[in-house]
Amino acid sequence: MPLFLLSIGASKTTTKNEAGKTFGFQKAMISDIVSKDLKGTGFGIYHAVLGITLLPASLIAGLLYDNVNSTAPFYFGSAMALAAAILMIIFTIVDKRKQKVNLICT
């Protein structure tokens, strides 16, 4: 039993450390992107979007865990991360093409 509790504590600590690093980078990026006079609005929008998206994510994970099996939320999360990466690549390519077209037209 103590080994089980130790593993839970270690996983919670690791998760908190990783989340802390990620949120720090995201906040730094927002601070760099948003102008000085709109920093409060930028952080407010960031936290609003974060809160709005975390609730459905938790509900979907819980439903998958209860109705499918215990690994389904992780597969779903992996699929969503892959979809986000693909969309990010597509939008980056489209943006670069638009910039080239704007340079040629001007």
PDB file of N, CA and C in Angstrom:
ATOM      1  N   MET A   1       0.800  -1.210   0.000  1.00  0.00           N
ATOM      2  CA  MET A   1       0.000   0.000   0.000  1.00  0.00           C
ATOM      3  C   MET A   1       0.843   1.275   0.000  1.00  0.00           C
ATOM      4  N   PRO A   2       1.909   1.400   0.798  1.00  0.00           N
ATOM      5  CA  PRO A   2       2.695   2.630   0.758  1.00  0.00           C
ATOM      6  C   PRO A   2       3.329   2.885  -0.607  1.00  0.00           C
ATOM      7  N   LEU A   3       3.725   1.822  -1.327  1.00  0.00           N
ATOM      8  CA  LEU A   3       4.297   1.998  -2.655  1.00  0.00           C
ATOM      9  C   LEU A   3       3.265   2.603  -3.606  1.00  0.00           C
ATOM     10  N   PHE A   4       2.012   2.156  -3.479  1.00  0.00           N
ATOM     11  CA  PHE A   4       0.926   2.698  -4.290  1.00  0.00           C
ATOM     12  C   PHE A   4       0.753   4.192  -4.019  1.00  0.00           C
ATOM     13  N   LEU A   5       0.750   4.573  -2.748  1.00  0.00           N
ATOM     14  CA  LEU A   5       0.601   5.985  -2.398  1.00  0.00           C
ATOM     15  C   LEU A   5       1.798   6.793  -2.880  1.00  0.00           C
ATOM     16  N   LEU A   6       2.993   6.221  -2.808  1.00  0.00           N
ATOM     17  CA  LEU A   6       4.179   6.905  -3.298  1.00  0.00           C
ATOM     18  C   LEU A   6       4.100   7.142  -4.797  1.00  0.00           C
ATOM     19  N   SER A   7       3.596   6.152  -5.534  1.00  0.00           N
ATOM     20  CA  SER A   7       3.482   6.316  -6.984  1.00  0.00           C
ATOM     21  C   SER A   7       2.460   7.392  -7.338  1.00  0.00           C
ATOM     22  N   ILE A   8       1.375   7.466  -6.584  1.00  0.00           N
ATOM     23  CA  ILE A   8       0.386   8.528  -6.825  1.00  0.00           C
ATOM     24  C   ILE A   8       1.005   9.893  -6.551  1.00  0.00           C
ATOM     25  N   GLY A   9       1.732  10.010  -5.455  1.00  0.00           N
ATOM     26  CA  GLY A   9       2.380  11.278  -5.128  1.00  0.00           C
ATOM     27  C   GLY A   9       3.392  11.683  -6.183  1.00  0.00           C
ATOM     28  N   ALA A  10       4.165  10.717  -6.669  1.00  0.00           N
ATOM     29  CA  ALA A  10       5.162  11.015  -7.704  1.00  0.00           C
ATOM     30  C   ALA A  10       4.499  11.451  -8.997  1.00  0.00           C
ATOM     31  N   SER A  11       3.406  10.781  -9.371  1.00  0.00           N
ATOM     32  CA  SER A  11       2.727  11.166 -10.613  1.00  0.00           C
ATOM     33  C   SER A  11       2.091  12.540 -10.480  1.00  0.00           C
ATOM     34  N   LYS A  12       1.525  12.850  -9.323  1.00  0.00           N
ATOM     35  CA  LYS A  12       0.931  14.173  -9.125  1.00  0.00           C
ATOM     36  C   LYS A  12       2.001  15.256  -9.183  1.00  0.00           C
ATOM     37  N   THR A  13       3.147  15.002  -8.566  1.00  0.00           N
ATOM     38  CA  THR A  13       4.232  15.981  -8.578  1.00  0.00           C
ATOM     39  C   THR A  13       4.732  16.200 -10.001  1.00  0.00           C
ATOM     40  N   THR A  14       4.928  15.111 -10.742  1.00  0.00           N
ATOM     41  CA  THR A  14       5.387  15.222 -12.118  1.00  0.00           C
ATOM     42  C   THR A  14       4.378  15.980 -12.964  1.00  0.00           C
ATOM     43  N   THR A  15       3.104  15.643 -12.809  1.00  0.00           N
ATOM     44  CA  THR A  15       2.060  16.317 -13.577  1.00  0.00           C
ATOM     45  C   THR A  15       2.022  17.804 -13.255  1.00  0.00           C
ATOM     46  N   LYS A  16       2.128  18.144 -11.972  1.00  0.00           N
ATOM     47  CA  LYS A  16       2.108  19.557 -11.590  1.00  0.00           C
ATOM     48  C   LYS A  16       3.321  20.286 -12.144  1.00  0.00           C
ATOM     49  N   ASN A  17       4.482  19.642 -12.103  1.00  0.00           N
ATOM     50  CA  ASN A  17       5.687  20.285 -12.639  1.00  0.00           C
ATOM     51  C   ASN A  17       5.560  20.518 -14.133  1.00  0.00           C
ATOM     52  N   GLU A  18       5.081  19.523 -14.865  1.00  0.00           N
ATOM     53  CA  GLU A  18       4.938  19.670 -16.308  1.00  0.00           C
ATOM     54  C   GLU A  18       3.882  20.715 -16.643  1.00  0.00           C
ATOM     55  N   ALA A  19       2.770  20.698 -15.933  1.00  0.00           N
ATOM     56  CA  ALA A  19       1.719  21.694 -16.182  1.00  0.00           C
ATOM     57  C   ALA A  19       2.237  23.090 -15.861  1.00  0.00           C
ATOM     58  N   GLY A  20       3.019  23.214 -14.793  1.00  0.00           N
ATOM     59  CA  GLY A  20       3.583  24.508 -14.436  1.00  0.00           C
ATOM     60  C   GLY A  20       4.508  25.043 -15.512  1.00  0.00           C
ATOM     61  N   LYS A  21       5.312  24.169 -16.088  1.00  0.00           N
ATOM     62  CA  LYS A  21       6.211  24.586 -17.160  1.00  0.00           C
ATOM     63  C   LYS A  21       5.426  24.996 -18.398  1.00  0.00           C
ATOM     64  N   THR A  22       4.421  24.208 -18.745  1.00  0.00           N
ATOM     65  CA  THR A  22       3.626  24.496 -19.935  1.00  0.00           C
ATOM     66  C   THR A  22       2.866  25.802 -19.776  1.00  0.00           C
ATOM     67  N   PHE A  23       2.195  25.989 -18.646  1.00  0.00           N
ATOM     68  CA  PHE A  23       1.422  27.203 -18.452  1.00  0.00           C
ATOM     69  C   PHE A  23       2.333  28.422 -18.416  1.00  0.00           C
ATOM     70  N   GLY A  24       3.535  28.264 -17.880  1.00  0.00           N
ATOM     71  CA  GLY A  24       4.482  29.380 -17.869  1.00  0.00           C
ATOM     72  C   GLY A  24       4.867  29.808 -19.269  1.00  0.00           C
ATOM     73  N   PHE A  25       5.133  28.831 -20.137  1.00  0.00           N
ATOM     74  CA  PHE A  25       5.482  29.143 -21.518  1.00  0.00           C
ATOM     75  C   PHE A  25       4.313  29.791 -22.243  1.00  0.00           C
ATOM     76  N   GLN A  26       3.109  29.283 -21.992  1.00  0.00           N
ATOM     77  CA  GLN A  26       1.939  29.850 -22.664  1.00  0.00           C
ATOM     78  C   GLN A  26       1.710  31.288 -22.224  1.00  0.00           C
ATOM     79  N   LYS A  27       1.849  31.546 -20.937  1.00  0.00           N
ATOM     80  CA  LYS A  27       1.655  32.912 -20.442  1.00  0.00           C
ATOM     81  C   LYS A  27       2.727  33.850 -20.985  1.00  0.00           C
ATOM     82  N   ALA A  28       3.959  33.358 -21.095  1.00  0.00           N
ATOM     83  CA  ALA A  28       5.028  34.186 -21.655  1.00  0.00           C
ATOM     84  C   ALA A  28       4.746  34.507 -23.115  1.00  0.00           C
ATOM     85  N   MET A  29       4.204  33.529 -23.841  1.00  0.00           N
ATOM     86  CA  MET A  29       3.891  33.758 -25.247  1.00  0.00           C
ATOM     87  C   MET A  29       2.774  34.796 -25.382  1.00  0.00           C
ATOM     88  N   ILE A  30       1.757  34.696 -24.531  1.00  0.00           N
ATOM     89  CA  ILE A  30       0.676  35.687 -24.564  1.00  0.00           C
ATOM     90  C   ILE A  30       1.228  37.068 -24.253  1.00  0.00           C
ATOM     91  N   SER A  31       2.109  37.144 -23.271  1.00  0.00           N
ATOM     92  CA  SER A  31       2.703  38.418 -22.897  1.00  0.00           C
ATOM     93  C   SER A  31       3.502  39.020 -24.048  1.00  0.00           C
ATOM     94  N   ASP A  32       4.139  38.174 -24.850  1.00  0.00           N
ATOM     95  CA  ASP A  32       4.905  38.666 -26.000  1.00  0.00           C
ATOM     96  C   ASP A  32       4.011  39.081 -27.157  1.00  0.00           C
ATOM     97  N   ILE A  33       2.913  38.375 -27.357  1.00  0.00           N
ATOM     98  CA  ILE A  33       2.051  38.626 -28.510  1.00  0.00           C
ATOM     99  C   ILE A  33       1.168  39.860 -28.312  1.00  0.00           C
ATOM    100  N   VAL A  34       0.608  40.005 -27.122  1.00  0.00           N
ATOM    101  CA  VAL A  34      -0.383  41.053 -26.861  1.00  0.00           C
ATOM    102  C   VAL A  34       0.318  42.368 -26.525  1.00  0.00           C
ATOM    103  N   SER A  35      -0.241  43.464 -27.004  1.00  0.00           N
ATOM    104  CA  SER A  35       0.341  44.775 -26.707  1.00  0.00           C
ATOM    105  C   SER A  35       0.178  45.112 -25.224  1.00  0.00           C
ATOM    106  N   LYS A  36       0.990  46.082 -24.757  1.00  0.00           N
ATOM    107  CA  LYS A  36       1.014  46.406 -23.331  1.00  0.00           C
ATOM    108  C   LYS A  36      -0.345  46.822 -22.787  1.00  0.00           C
ATOM    109  N   ASP A  37      -1.067  47.614 -23.548  1.00  0.00           N
ATOM    110  CA  ASP A  37      -2.340  48.125 -23.047  1.00  0.00           C
ATOM    111  C   ASP A  37      -3.459  47.089 -23.063  1.00  0.00           C
ATOM    112  N   LEU A  38      -3.255  45.945 -23.723  1.00  0.00           N
ATOM    113  CA  LEU A  38      -4.287  44.906 -23.786  1.00  0.00           C
ATOM    114  C   LEU A  38      -3.866  43.602 -23.104  1.00  0.00           C
ATOM    115  N   LYS A  39      -2.848  43.651 -22.253  1.00  0.00           N
ATOM    116  CA  LYS A  39      -2.375  42.424 -21.606  1.00  0.00           C
ATOM    117  C   LYS A  39      -3.452  41.790 -20.732  1.00  0.00           C
ATOM    118  N   GLY A  40      -4.170  42.591 -19.983  1.00  0.00           N
ATOM    119  CA  GLY A  40      -5.231  42.057 -19.128  1.00  0.00           C
ATOM    120  C   GLY A  40      -6.311  41.365 -19.941  1.00  0.00           C
ATOM    121  N   THR A  41      -6.691  41.960 -21.052  1.00  0.00           N
ATOM    122  CA  THR A  41      -7.687  41.361 -21.940  1.00  0.00           C
ATOM    123  C   THR A  41      -7.158  40.071 -22.548  1.00  0.00           C
ATOM    124  N   GLY A  42      -5.897  40.082 -22.945  1.00  0.00           N
ATOM    125  CA  GLY A  42      -5.295  38.879 -23.526  1.00  0.00           C
ATOM    126  C   GLY A  42      -5.277  37.716 -22.553  1.00  0.00           C
ATOM    127  N   PHE A  43      -4.856  37.994 -21.312  1.00  0.00           N
ATOM    128  CA  PHE A  43      -4.847  36.931 -20.301  1.00  0.00           C
ATOM    129  C   PHE A  43      -6.259  36.500 -19.943  1.00  0.00           C
ATOM    130  N   GLY A  44      -7.200  37.432 -19.927  1.00  0.00           N
ATOM    131  CA  GLY A  44      -8.591  37.084 -19.643  1.00  0.00           C
ATOM    132  C   GLY A  44      -9.177  36.167 -20.702  1.00  0.00           C
ATOM    133  N   ILE A  45      -8.916  36.480 -21.963  1.00  0.00           N
ATOM    134  CA  ILE A  45      -9.406  35.629 -23.054  1.00  0.00           C
ATOM    135  C   ILE A  45      -8.744  34.257 -22.986  1.00  0.00           C
ATOM    136  N   TYR A  46      -7.431  34.235 -22.701  1.00  0.00           N
ATOM    137  CA  TYR A  46      -6.712  32.960 -22.588  1.00  0.00           C
ATOM    138  C   TYR A  46      -7.337  32.074 -21.518  1.00  0.00           C
ATOM    139  N   HIS A  47      -7.561  32.633 -20.335  1.00  0.00           N
ATOM    140  CA  HIS A  47      -8.106  31.836 -19.244  1.00  0.00           C
ATOM    141  C   HIS A  47      -9.569  31.459 -19.478  1.00  0.00           C
ATOM    142  N   ALA A  48     -10.328  32.322 -20.148  1.00  0.00           N
ATOM    143  CA  ALA A  48     -11.713  31.987 -20.475  1.00  0.00           C
ATOM    144  C   ALA A  48     -11.768  30.811 -21.451  1.00  0.00           C
ATOM    145  N   VAL A  49     -10.953  30.864 -22.493  1.00  0.00           N
ATOM    146  CA  VAL A  49     -10.915  29.767 -23.467  1.00  0.00           C
ATOM    147  C   VAL A  49     -10.432  28.481 -22.805  1.00  0.00           C
ATOM    148  N   LEU A  50      -9.424  28.589 -21.950  1.00  0.00           N
ATOM    149  CA  LEU A  50      -8.908  27.428 -21.241  1.00  0.00           C
ATOM    150  C   LEU A  50     -10.001  26.793 -20.375  1.00  0.00           C
ATOM    151  N   GLY A  51     -10.719  27.604 -19.642  1.00  0.00           N
ATOM    152  CA  GLY A  51     -11.784  27.080 -18.789  1.00  0.00           C
ATOM    153  C   GLY A  51     -12.935  26.483 -19.581  1.00  0.00           C
ATOM    154  N   ILE A  52     -13.310  27.137 -20.673  1.00  0.00           N
ATOM    155  CA  ILE A  52     -14.417  26.645 -21.499  1.00  0.00           C
ATOM    156  C   ILE A  52     -14.062  25.313 -22.156  1.00  0.00           C
ATOM    157  N   THR A  53     -12.809  25.133 -22.532  1.00  0.00           N
ATOM    158  CA  THR A  53     -12.418  23.889 -23.202  1.00  0.00           C
ATOM    159  C   THR A  53     -12.094  22.764 -22.233  1.00  0.00           C
ATOM    160  N   LEU A  54     -11.689  23.072 -21.014  1.00  0.00           N
ATOM    161  CA  LEU A  54     -11.349  22.006 -20.067  1.00  0.00           C
ATOM    162  C   LEU A  54     -12.587  21.273 -19.552  1.00  0.00           C
ATOM    163  N   LEU A  55     -13.702  21.943 -19.433  1.00  0.00           N
ATOM    164  CA  LEU A  55     -14.912  21.275 -18.945  1.00  0.00           C
ATOM    165  C   LEU A  55     -15.390  20.183 -19.906  1.00  0.00           C
ATOM    166  N   PRO A  56     -15.599  20.473 -21.187  1.00  0.00           N
ATOM    167  CA  PRO A  56     -16.005  19.392 -22.093  1.00  0.00           C
ATOM    168  C   PRO A  56     -14.939  18.296 -22.213  1.00  0.00           C
ATOM    169  N   ALA A  57     -13.665  18.673 -22.141  1.00  0.00           N
ATOM    170  CA  ALA A  57     -12.608  17.665 -22.230  1.00  0.00           C
ATOM    171  C   ALA A  57     -12.705  16.677 -21.070  1.00  0.00           C
ATOM    172  N   SER A  58     -12.957  17.185 -19.883  1.00  0.00           N
ATOM    173  CA  SER A  58     -13.094  16.313 -18.725  1.00  0.00           C
ATOM    174  C   SER A  58     -14.348  15.447 -18.831  1.00  0.00           C
ATOM    175  N   LEU A  59     -15.429  16.023 -19.322  1.00  0.00           N
ATOM    176  CA  LEU A  59     -16.664  15.249 -19.485  1.00  0.00           C
ATOM    177  C   LEU A  59     -16.488  14.134 -20.518  1.00  0.00           C
ATOM    178  N   ILE A  60     -15.851  14.446 -21.630  1.00  0.00           N
ATOM    179  CA  ILE A  60     -15.616  13.436 -22.667  1.00  0.00           C
ATOM    180  C   ILE A  60     -14.712  12.335 -22.130  1.00  0.00           C
ATOM    181  N   ALA A  61     -13.656  12.718 -21.415  1.00  0.00           N
ATOM    182  CA  ALA A  61     -12.752  11.712 -20.853  1.00  0.00           C
ATOM    183  C   ALA A  61     -13.482  10.817 -19.853  1.00  0.00           C
ATOM    184  N   GLY A  62     -14.321  11.408 -19.035  1.00  0.00           N
ATOM    185  CA  GLY A  62     -15.085  10.606 -18.068  1.00  0.00           C
ATOM    186  C   GLY A  62     -16.058   9.658 -18.744  1.00  0.00           C
ATOM    187  N   LEU A  63     -16.732  10.139 -19.771  1.00  0.00           N
ATOM    188  CA  LEU A  63     -17.671   9.268 -20.493  1.00  0.00           C
ATOM    189  C   LEU A  63     -16.939   8.121 -21.191  1.00  0.00           C
ATOM    190  N   LEU A  64     -15.810   8.422 -21.801  1.00  0.00           N
ATOM    191  CA  LEU A  64     -15.030   7.369 -22.448  1.00  0.00           C
ATOM    192  C   LEU A  64     -14.523   6.356 -21.427  1.00  0.00           C
ATOM    193  N   TYR A  65     -14.067   6.844 -20.296  1.00  0.00           N
ATOM    194  CA  TYR A  65     -13.558   5.958 -19.249  1.00  0.00           C
ATOM    195  C   TYR A  65     -14.662   5.044 -18.724  1.00  0.00           C
ATOM    196  N   ASP A  66     -15.845   5.611 -18.494  1.00  0.00           N
ATOM    197  CA  ASP A  66     -16.953   4.822 -17.934  1.00  0.00           C
ATOM    198  C   ASP A  66     -17.587   3.892 -18.948  1.00  0.00           C
ATOM    199  N   ASN A  67     -17.742   4.342 -20.178  1.00  0.00           N
ATOM    200  CA  ASN A  67     -18.513   3.572 -21.155  1.00  0.00           C
ATOM    201  C   ASN A  67     -17.685   2.712 -22.098  1.00  0.00           C
ATOM    202  N   VAL A  68     -16.415   3.055 -22.320  1.00  0.00           N
ATOM    203  CA  VAL A  68     -15.595   2.268 -23.247  1.00  0.00           C
ATOM    204  C   VAL A  68     -14.612   1.430 -22.441  1.00  0.00           C
ATOM    205  N   ASN A  69     -13.517   2.005 -22.032  1.00  0.00           N
ATOM    206  CA  ASN A  69     -12.577   1.364 -21.113  1.00  0.00           C
ATOM    207  C   ASN A  69     -11.616   2.417 -20.573  1.00  0.00           C
ATOM    208  N   SER A  70     -10.700   2.003 -19.733  1.00  0.00           N
ATOM    209  CA  SER A  70      -9.835   2.970 -19.056  1.00  0.00           C
ATOM    210  C   SER A  70      -8.762   3.574 -19.964  1.00  0.00           C
ATOM    211  N   THR A  71      -8.487   2.970 -21.103  1.00  0.00           N
ATOM    212  CA  THR A  71      -7.467   3.519 -22.000  1.00  0.00           C
ATOM    213  C   THR A  71      -8.049   4.443 -23.076  1.00  0.00           C
ATOM    214  N   ALA A  72      -9.349   4.410 -23.260  1.00  0.00           N
ATOM    215  CA  ALA A  72      -9.990   5.193 -24.322  1.00  0.00           C
ATOM    216  C   ALA A  72      -9.712   6.701 -24.214  1.00  0.00           C
ATOM    217  N   PRO A  73      -9.746   7.304 -23.006  1.00  0.00           N
ATOM    218  CA  PRO A  73      -9.450   8.745 -22.950  1.00  0.00           C
ATOM    219  C   PRO A  73      -8.044   9.087 -23.439  1.00  0.00           C
ATOM    220  N   PHE A  74      -7.101   8.183 -23.214  1.00  0.00           N
ATOM    221  CA  PHE A  74      -5.728   8.442 -23.647  1.00  0.00           C
ATOM    222  C   PHE A  74      -5.600   8.329 -25.159  1.00  0.00           C
ATOM    223  N   TYR A  75      -6.284   7.362 -25.747  1.00  0.00           N
ATOM    224  CA  TYR A  75      -6.289   7.250 -27.203  1.00  0.00           C
ATOM    225  C   TYR A  75      -6.985   8.456 -27.833  1.00  0.00           C
ATOM    226  N   PHE A  76      -8.077   8.874 -27.217  1.00  0.00           N
ATOM    227  CA  PHE A  76      -8.800  10.047 -27.713  1.00  0.00           C
ATOM    228  C   PHE A  76      -7.920  11.296 -27.622  1.00  0.00           C
ATOM    229  N   GLY A  77      -7.215  11.452 -26.498  1.00  0.00           N
ATOM    230  CA  GLY A  77      -6.309  12.588 -26.343  1.00  0.00           C
ATOM    231  C   GLY A  77      -5.194  12.564 -27.367  1.00  0.00           C
ATOM    232  N   SER A  78      -4.676  11.376 -27.641  1.00  0.00           N
ATOM    233  CA  SER A  78      -3.627  11.249 -28.659  1.00  0.00           C
ATOM    234  C   SER A  78      -4.151  11.618 -30.039  1.00  0.00           C
ATOM    235  N   ALA A  79      -5.363  11.179 -30.351  1.00  0.00           N
ATOM    236  CA  ALA A  79      -5.963  11.495 -31.646  1.00  0.00           C
ATOM    237  C   ALA A  79      -6.202  13.004 -31.774  1.00  0.00           C
ATOM    238  N   MET A  80      -6.650  13.641 -30.708  1.00  0.00           N
ATOM    239  CA  MET A  80      -6.881  15.087 -30.748  1.00  0.00           C
ATOM    240  C   MET A  80      -5.561  15.848 -30.882  1.00  0.00           C
ATOM    241  N   ALA A  81      -4.505  15.375 -30.215  1.00  0.00           N
ATOM    242  CA  ALA A  81      -3.202  16.023 -30.338  1.00  0.00           C
ATOM    243  C   ALA A  81      -2.666  15.885 -31.764  1.00  0.00           C
ATOM    244  N   LEU A  82      -2.855  14.714 -32.361  1.00  0.00           N
ATOM    245  CA  LEU A  82      -2.427  14.503 -33.741  1.00  0.00           C
ATOM    246  C   LEU A  82      -3.211  15.407 -34.692  1.00  0.00           C
ATOM    247  N   ALA A  83      -4.525  15.504 -34.472  1.00  0.00           N
ATOM    248  CA  ALA A  83      -5.356  16.375 -35.306  1.00  0.00           C
ATOM    249  C   ALA A  83      -4.919  17.840 -35.162  1.00  0.00           C
ATOM    250  N   ALA A  84      -4.608  18.258 -33.938  1.00  0.00           N
ATOM    251  CA  ALA A  84      -4.153  19.633 -33.725  1.00  0.00           C
ATOM    252  C   ALA A  84      -2.826  19.886 -34.419  1.00  0.00           C
ATOM    253  N   ALA A  85      -1.924  18.916 -34.369  1.00  0.00           N
ATOM    254  CA  ALA A  85      -0.624  19.078 -35.038  1.00  0.00           C
ATOM    255  C   ALA A  85      -0.795  19.180 -36.552  1.00  0.00           C
ATOM    256  N   ILE A  86      -1.659  18.343 -37.101  1.00  0.00           N
ATOM    257  CA  ILE A  86      -1.912  18.378 -38.544  1.00  0.00           C
ATOM    258  C   ILE A  86      -2.536  19.722 -38.945  1.00  0.00           C
ATOM    259  N   LEU A  87      -3.507  20.188 -38.171  1.00  0.00           N
ATOM    260  CA  LEU A  87      -4.132  21.481 -38.471  1.00  0.00           C
ATOM    261  C   LEU A  87      -3.124  22.625 -38.360  1.00  0.00           C
ATOM    262  N   MET A  88      -2.239  22.549 -37.365  1.00  0.00           N
ATOM    263  CA  MET A  88      -1.231  23.587 -37.212  1.00  0.00           C
ATOM    264  C   MET A  88      -0.301  23.621 -38.429  1.00  0.00           C
ATOM    265  N   ILE A  89       0.090  22.452 -38.917  1.00  0.00           N
ATOM    266  CA  ILE A  89       0.941  22.386 -40.104  1.00  0.00           C
ATOM    267  C   ILE A  89       0.212  22.950 -41.323  1.00  0.00           C
ATOM    268  N   ILE A  90      -1.057  22.567 -41.483  1.00  0.00           N
ATOM    269  CA  ILE A  90      -1.846  23.056 -42.623  1.00  0.00           C
ATOM    270  C   ILE A  90      -1.987  24.570 -42.574  1.00  0.00           C
ATOM    271  N   PHE A  91      -2.336  25.114 -41.405  1.00  0.00           N
ATOM    272  CA  PHE A  91      -2.505  26.560 -41.296  1.00  0.00           C
ATOM    273  C   PHE A  91      -1.189  27.302 -41.497  1.00  0.00           C
ATOM    274  N   THR A  92      -0.086  26.714 -41.084  1.00  0.00           N
ATOM    275  CA  THR A  92       1.218  27.341 -41.298  1.00  0.00           C
ATOM    276  C   THR A  92       1.548  27.391 -42.782  1.00  0.00           C
ATOM    277  N   ILE A  93       1.278  26.302 -43.502  1.00  0.00           N
ATOM    278  CA  ILE A  93       1.539  26.262 -44.945  1.00  0.00           C
ATOM    279  C   ILE A  93       0.653  27.263 -45.676  1.00  0.00           C
ATOM    280  N   VAL A  94      -0.626  27.310 -45.313  1.00  0.00           N
ATOM    281  CA  VAL A  94      -1.554  28.248 -45.954  1.00  0.00           C
ATOM    282  C   VAL A  94      -1.119  29.684 -45.689  1.00  0.00           C
ATOM    283  N   ASP A  95      -0.690  29.985 -44.459  1.00  0.00           N
ATOM    284  CA  ASP A  95      -0.259  31.335 -44.120  1.00  0.00           C
ATOM    285  C   ASP A  95       0.982  31.726 -44.917  1.00  0.00           C
ATOM    286  N   LYS A  96       1.922  30.805 -45.067  1.00  0.00           N
ATOM    287  CA  LYS A  96       3.125  31.109 -45.853  1.00  0.00           C
ATOM    288  C   LYS A  96       2.767  31.366 -47.314  1.00  0.00           C
ATOM    289  N   ARG A  97       1.819  30.602 -47.851  1.00  0.00           N
ATOM    290  CA  ARG A  97       1.399  30.827 -49.244  1.00  0.00           C
ATOM    291  C   ARG A  97       0.730  32.188 -49.403  1.00  0.00           C
ATOM    292  N   LYS A  98      -0.090  32.577 -48.421  1.00  0.00           N
ATOM    293  CA  LYS A  98      -0.736  33.893 -48.482  1.00  0.00           C
ATOM    294  C   LYS A  98       0.293  35.002 -48.430  1.00  0.00           C
ATOM    295  N   GLN A  99       1.332  34.831 -47.616  1.00  0.00           N
ATOM    296  CA  GLN A  99       2.378  35.846 -47.528  1.00  0.00           C
ATOM    297  C   GLN A  99       3.119  35.969 -48.851  1.00  0.00           C
ATOM    298  N   LYS A 100       3.369  34.844 -49.522  1.00  0.00           N
ATOM    299  CA  LYS A 100       4.039  34.882 -50.818  1.00  0.00           C
ATOM    300  C   LYS A 100       3.188  35.585 -51.855  1.00  0.00           C
ATOM    301  N   VAL A 101       1.878  35.307 -51.846  1.00  0.00           N
ATOM    302  CA  VAL A 101       0.971  35.945 -52.790  1.00  0.00           C
ATOM    303  C   VAL A 101       0.923  37.446 -52.533  1.00  0.00           C
ATOM    304  N   ASN A 102       0.878  37.863 -51.277  1.00  0.00           N
ATOM    305  CA  ASN A 102       0.859  39.286 -50.941  1.00  0.00           C
ATOM    306  C   ASN A 102       2.146  39.960 -51.385  1.00  0.00           C
ATOM    307  N   LEU A 103       3.270  39.281 -51.253  1.00  0.00           N
ATOM    308  CA  LEU A 103       4.553  39.872 -51.678  1.00  0.00           C
ATOM    309  C   LEU A 103       4.589  40.025 -53.198  1.00  0.00           C
ATOM    310  N   ILE A 104       4.052  39.039 -53.906  1.00  0.00           N
ATOM    311  CA  ILE A 104       4.052  39.099 -55.374  1.00  0.00           C
ATOM    312  C   ILE A 104       3.111  40.195 -55.873  1.00  0.00           C
ATOM    313  N   CYS A 105       1.944  40.338 -55.226  1.00  0.00           N
ATOM    314  CA  CYS A 105       0.960  41.324 -55.670  1.00  0.00           C
ATOM    315  C   CYS A 105       1.377  42.746 -55.366  1.00  0.00           C
ATOM    316  N   THR A 106       2.183  42.952 -54.339  1.00  0.00           N
ATOM    317  CA  THR A 106       2.543  44.332 -53.979  1.00  0.00           C
ATOM    318  C   THR A 106       3.832  44.772 -54.547  1.00  0.00           C
TER     319      THR A 106
END
